[in-house]
Amino acid sequence: MGRDDFLRGLTEVIPAFGVSSEDLQACVRGGILPASDGCTRLVATATNLISQLHSSKVTSLLSVMLEGPPGTGKTALAAQLALDSKSAFCKLVSPNSMIGMGEHSKAQLIAKTFDDAHKSPMSLIVLDDLERLLEYVRIGPRFSNVVLQTLLVCVKKAPKVGHKLVVIGTSSSASVLEQLELLDVFNVSLHVPPLTPTEATAALGQLGVPNVADVAGVLAGVREPIPMKKLLLVAEMSLDASGRIDDARFAATLQEAGIL
């Protein structure tokens, strides 16, 4: 084993502590589109709160809930805020990485993530899709009380003196978390709204669609708010070989997606 092998190993081995950049970057693969003033204000508010925590001599814990309808980009926003925070320890806790795990194993993994975060001077944890982490289902209703109690304790636990922690949660059902008393443990709750037809048109323009004017009339007929994920999916499915959106196909796909 030579020096070159050692240096190659440094780039290939993923550290147990640090920033889970691959997981976070996967959540913002398409980037963030500031298609609405509300989204721009939300990002600015969250960024300012994190910056204030960095400079605060009193506050050591900040917890922010990003809540809104499904598909509005909450996970992407949380991941981008995490990457921009430049925290020494930055982890994503997602139900996607817990498939097949029992509730006790989930609770232990969550608790360990928070314990590891408390060892770093500046840490950030993203708790994505909290309803799925809690295994919540409407029928019953059913949820994991073990995971719930773990979150209630961990989110409220302040780090030791000289250390700071930011917790960002995402939820598509704030009312459920309120009933479970989990919403109350977050310091700040920010609403992530879907797009209006005007904002959806602006988003397509930011994507570089050359014939936005052709589909603006179709979007004007939409009466319901449009989730960002659905808009991006419909736009991609409506592209022709030249990169332009076929307005007839766009309208049909909107209707099939339950938007038009």
Protein backbone atom coordinates (compact mmCIF):
# COMPACT_ATOMS: atom_id res chain seq x y z
CA MET A 1 0.00 0.00 0.00
CA GLY A 2 1.51 3.30 -1.09
CA ARG A 3 0.85 6.99 -0.63
CA ASP A 4 -1.42 7.13 -3.69
CA ASP A 5 -3.60 4.34 -2.25
CA PHE A 6 -3.87 6.23 1.04
CA LEU A 7 -4.89 9.47 -0.68
CA ARG A 8 -7.43 7.62 -2.81
CA GLY A 9 -8.89 6.09 0.34
CA LEU A 10 -9.39 9.53 1.84
CA THR A 11 -11.68 10.46 -1.04
CA GLU A 12 -13.56 7.15 -1.12
CA VAL A 13 -14.26 6.52 2.56
CA ILE A 14 -17.41 8.24 3.82
CA PRO A 15 -16.88 9.70 7.32
CA ALA A 16 -19.29 8.72 10.09
CA PHE A 17 -19.36 12.34 11.22
CA GLY A 18 -19.60 15.40 9.04
CA VAL A 19 -22.00 16.35 6.25
CA SER A 20 -24.12 13.76 4.44
CA SER A 21 -23.76 15.82 1.29
CA GLU A 22 -24.79 13.08 -1.14
CA ASP A 23 -28.13 12.51 0.61
CA LEU A 24 -28.83 16.23 0.81
CA GLN A 25 -27.74 17.00 -2.75
CA ALA A 26 -30.00 14.20 -4.01
CA CYS A 27 -32.93 16.13 -2.54
CA VAL A 28 -32.09 19.27 -4.54
CA ARG A 29 -31.03 17.62 -7.78
CA GLY A 30 -33.19 19.99 -9.82
CA GLY A 31 -32.21 23.08 -7.82
CA ILE A 32 -34.47 25.58 -6.07
CA LEU A 33 -36.72 27.77 -8.21
CA PRO A 34 -37.68 31.05 -6.45
CA ALA A 35 -40.92 31.17 -8.44
CA SER A 36 -42.90 33.08 -5.82
CA ASP A 37 -42.33 35.94 -3.41
CA GLY A 38 -43.57 33.68 -0.62
CA CYS A 39 -40.86 31.12 -1.33
CA THR A 40 -38.19 33.82 -1.47
CA ARG A 41 -39.35 35.27 1.86
CA LEU A 42 -39.49 31.82 3.44
CA VAL A 43 -35.91 30.99 2.43
CA ALA A 44 -34.74 34.41 3.61
CA THR A 45 -36.50 33.99 6.97
CA ALA A 46 -35.06 30.52 7.58
CA THR A 47 -31.58 31.60 6.48
CA ASN A 48 -31.68 34.62 8.80
CA LEU A 49 -32.79 32.46 11.73
CA ILE A 50 -29.88 30.07 11.20
CA SER A 51 -27.45 32.98 10.85
CA GLN A 52 -28.78 34.54 14.05
CA LEU A 53 -28.23 31.27 15.89
CA HIS A 54 -24.63 31.18 14.65
CA SER A 55 -23.96 34.62 16.12
CA SER A 56 -26.10 34.31 19.25
CA LYS A 57 -24.39 34.12 22.63
CA VAL A 58 -27.55 32.96 24.38
CA THR A 59 -29.55 30.67 22.08
CA SER A 60 -28.13 27.21 21.41
CA LEU A 61 -31.10 25.42 19.83
CA LEU A 62 -33.28 26.35 16.85
CA SER A 63 -36.02 24.09 15.48
CA VAL A 64 -37.90 25.02 12.30
CA MET A 65 -40.89 23.21 10.81
CA LEU A 66 -41.53 23.48 7.06
CA GLU A 67 -45.14 22.46 6.52
CA GLY A 68 -47.39 22.51 3.49
CA PRO A 69 -49.27 20.33 0.98
CA PRO A 70 -47.48 17.37 -0.64
CA GLY A 71 -45.20 18.19 -3.54
CA THR A 72 -44.49 21.83 -2.67
CA GLY A 73 -40.73 21.27 -2.30
CA LYS A 74 -40.35 21.16 1.47
CA THR A 75 -37.64 18.50 1.41
CA ALA A 76 -35.67 20.34 -1.26
CA LEU A 77 -35.87 23.59 0.72
CA ALA A 78 -34.76 21.87 3.93
CA ALA A 79 -31.85 20.18 2.15
CA GLN A 80 -30.73 23.43 0.52
CA LEU A 81 -30.87 25.27 3.84
CA ALA A 82 -28.77 22.50 5.36
CA LEU A 83 -26.15 22.67 2.62
CA ASP A 84 -26.01 26.46 2.79
CA SER A 85 -25.62 26.46 6.58
CA LYS A 86 -22.02 25.20 6.36
CA SER A 87 -22.55 23.23 9.55
CA ALA A 88 -19.72 20.91 10.60
CA PHE A 89 -22.24 18.11 11.26
CA CYS A 90 -25.20 17.89 8.90
CA LYS A 91 -27.42 14.82 8.59
CA LEU A 92 -30.67 13.87 6.84
CA VAL A 93 -33.02 11.58 8.78
CA SER A 94 -35.48 10.22 6.22
CA PRO A 95 -37.96 7.32 6.17
CA ASN A 96 -36.37 6.32 2.85
CA SER A 97 -33.33 5.06 4.74
CA MET A 98 -35.42 3.20 7.34
CA ILE A 99 -37.43 0.84 5.14
CA GLY A 100 -37.90 -2.49 6.93
CA MET A 101 -36.72 -1.18 10.31
CA GLY A 102 -38.80 -1.69 13.42
CA GLU A 103 -39.93 1.23 15.54
CA HIS A 104 -37.31 0.58 18.23
CA SER A 105 -34.53 0.52 15.62
CA LYS A 106 -35.84 3.78 14.16
CA ALA A 107 -35.93 5.40 17.59
CA GLN A 108 -32.36 4.27 18.32
CA LEU A 109 -31.12 5.64 14.98
CA ILE A 110 -32.81 9.01 15.59
CA ALA A 111 -31.44 9.21 19.13
CA LYS A 112 -27.92 8.33 17.92
CA THR A 113 -28.07 11.02 15.23
CA PHE A 114 -28.91 13.64 17.86
CA ASP A 115 -26.21 12.33 20.21
CA ASP A 116 -23.65 12.62 17.39
CA ALA A 117 -24.90 16.14 16.57
CA HIS A 118 -24.37 17.25 20.17
CA LYS A 119 -20.68 16.37 19.86
CA SER A 120 -20.11 18.98 17.15
CA PRO A 121 -19.85 22.75 17.82
CA MET A 122 -22.36 23.53 15.04
CA SER A 123 -24.79 20.87 13.84
CA LEU A 124 -27.91 20.63 11.70
CA ILE A 125 -30.39 17.75 11.40
CA VAL A 126 -33.15 17.47 8.80
CA LEU A 127 -36.12 15.36 9.90
CA ASP A 128 -37.84 14.67 6.61
CA ASP A 129 -41.49 13.61 6.20
CA LEU A 130 -42.29 13.35 9.89
CA GLU A 131 -45.61 11.57 9.34
CA ARG A 132 -43.77 8.69 7.66
CA LEU A 133 -41.10 8.64 10.37
CA LEU A 134 -43.95 8.26 12.86
CA GLU A 135 -45.58 5.54 10.71
CA TYR A 136 -48.79 7.56 10.84
CA VAL A 137 -51.84 6.24 8.99
CA ARG A 138 -55.31 7.77 9.03
CA ILE A 139 -57.13 4.49 9.63
CA GLY A 140 -57.19 4.02 13.36
CA PRO A 141 -55.32 6.37 13.51
CA ARG A 142 -52.05 4.56 14.05
CA PHE A 143 -48.57 5.88 14.79
CA SER A 144 -45.42 4.79 16.57
CA ASN A 145 -45.46 6.14 20.09
CA VAL A 146 -41.86 4.98 20.59
CA VAL A 147 -40.64 7.15 17.71
CA LEU A 148 -42.91 10.02 18.79
CA GLN A 149 -41.56 10.09 22.33
CA THR A 150 -37.99 9.92 20.99
CA LEU A 151 -38.60 12.93 18.75
CA LEU A 152 -40.34 14.88 21.51
CA VAL A 153 -37.30 14.45 23.74
CA CYS A 154 -34.55 14.86 21.13
CA VAL A 155 -35.93 17.95 19.36
CA LYS A 156 -36.28 19.82 22.67
CA LYS A 157 -32.91 18.78 24.11
CA ALA A 158 -30.48 21.68 23.98
CA PRO A 159 -26.80 20.91 23.22
CA LYS A 160 -24.10 21.42 25.81
CA VAL A 161 -22.56 24.81 26.48
CA GLY A 162 -20.67 26.20 23.50
CA HIS A 163 -22.44 23.93 20.99
CA LYS A 164 -25.38 24.80 18.75
CA LEU A 165 -27.98 22.74 16.93
CA VAL A 166 -30.50 23.47 14.17
CA VAL A 167 -33.36 21.02 13.57
CA ILE A 168 -35.41 21.35 10.38
CA GLY A 169 -38.53 19.21 10.07
CA THR A 170 -40.84 18.74 7.10
CA SER A 171 -44.50 17.78 7.21
CA SER A 172 -47.42 17.52 4.81
CA SER A 173 -49.94 17.44 7.64
CA ALA A 174 -49.28 20.01 10.35
CA SER A 175 -52.69 19.29 11.91
CA VAL A 176 -51.63 15.69 12.61
CA LEU A 177 -48.39 16.80 14.27
CA GLU A 178 -50.37 19.33 16.30
CA GLN A 179 -52.64 16.58 17.62
CA LEU A 180 -49.57 14.51 18.50
CA GLU A 181 -48.10 17.57 20.33
CA LEU A 182 -45.00 17.36 18.11
CA LEU A 183 -45.60 20.66 16.33
CA ASP A 184 -45.36 22.48 19.67
CA VAL A 185 -41.72 21.47 20.23
CA PHE A 186 -40.59 23.39 17.13
CA ASN A 187 -39.69 27.05 17.71
CA VAL A 188 -40.83 28.26 14.29
CA SER A 189 -43.37 26.94 11.78
CA LEU A 190 -43.13 28.14 8.17
CA HIS A 191 -45.80 27.39 5.56
CA VAL A 192 -44.61 26.24 2.12
CA PRO A 193 -47.48 27.00 -0.29
CA PRO A 194 -48.20 25.54 -3.73
CA LEU A 195 -47.95 27.77 -6.80
CA THR A 196 -50.59 30.00 -8.30
CA PRO A 197 -50.98 29.86 -12.12
CA THR A 198 -48.93 33.07 -12.41
CA GLU A 199 -46.16 31.65 -10.23
CA ALA A 200 -46.23 28.38 -12.18
CA THR A 201 -45.73 30.33 -15.42
CA ALA A 202 -42.79 32.15 -13.84
CA ALA A 203 -41.29 28.82 -12.74
CA LEU A 204 -41.43 27.47 -16.29
CA GLY A 205 -39.73 30.64 -17.48
CA GLN A 206 -36.93 30.11 -14.96
CA LEU A 207 -36.51 26.57 -16.29
CA GLY A 208 -35.75 28.06 -19.69
CA VAL A 209 -38.87 26.84 -21.50
CA PRO A 210 -38.82 28.85 -24.76
CA ASN A 211 -42.59 28.93 -25.36
CA VAL A 212 -43.88 29.86 -21.92
CA ALA A 213 -46.41 32.23 -23.50
CA ASP A 214 -48.05 29.30 -25.28
CA VAL A 215 -48.79 27.44 -22.04
CA ALA A 216 -49.64 30.52 -19.96
CA GLY A 217 -53.18 30.37 -21.31
CA VAL A 218 -53.50 26.74 -20.23
CA LEU A 219 -52.25 27.55 -16.75
CA ALA A 220 -54.68 30.47 -16.54
CA GLY A 221 -57.49 27.92 -16.62
CA VAL A 222 -56.21 26.12 -13.52
CA ARG A 223 -58.38 26.85 -10.50
CA GLU A 224 -56.43 24.91 -7.86
CA PRO A 225 -52.94 25.63 -6.48
CA ILE A 226 -50.21 23.69 -8.28
CA PRO A 227 -47.58 21.70 -6.34
CA MET A 228 -44.09 22.37 -7.67
CA LYS A 229 -43.27 18.67 -8.12
CA LYS A 230 -46.37 18.07 -10.23
CA LEU A 231 -45.65 21.12 -12.36
CA LEU A 232 -42.11 19.93 -13.08
CA LEU A 233 -43.34 16.41 -13.88
CA VAL A 234 -46.09 17.63 -16.20
CA ALA A 235 -43.71 20.03 -17.96
CA GLU A 236 -41.13 17.29 -18.53
CA MET A 237 -43.75 14.88 -19.87
CA SER A 238 -44.98 17.56 -22.31
CA LEU A 239 -41.65 18.46 -23.88
CA ASP A 240 -41.13 17.76 -27.57
CA ALA A 241 -37.84 16.98 -29.31
CA SER A 242 -36.97 20.68 -29.65
CA GLY A 243 -37.34 21.35 -25.93
CA ARG A 244 -40.62 23.23 -26.31
CA ILE A 245 -43.78 22.34 -24.40
CA ASP A 246 -46.62 21.00 -26.51
CA ASP A 247 -49.57 23.01 -25.16
CA ALA A 248 -52.16 20.34 -26.06
CA ARG A 249 -50.13 17.61 -24.40
CA PHE A 250 -49.46 19.95 -21.48
CA ALA A 251 -53.20 20.52 -20.94
CA ALA A 252 -53.97 16.81 -21.22
CA THR A 253 -51.23 15.88 -18.75
CA LEU A 254 -52.42 18.53 -16.30
CA GLN A 255 -55.87 16.99 -16.47
CA GLU A 256 -54.50 13.46 -15.99
CA ALA A 257 -52.54 14.69 -12.97
CA GLY A 258 -55.75 16.06 -11.44
CA ILE A 259 -54.73 19.71 -11.67
CA LEU A 260 -56.82 20.98 -14.59
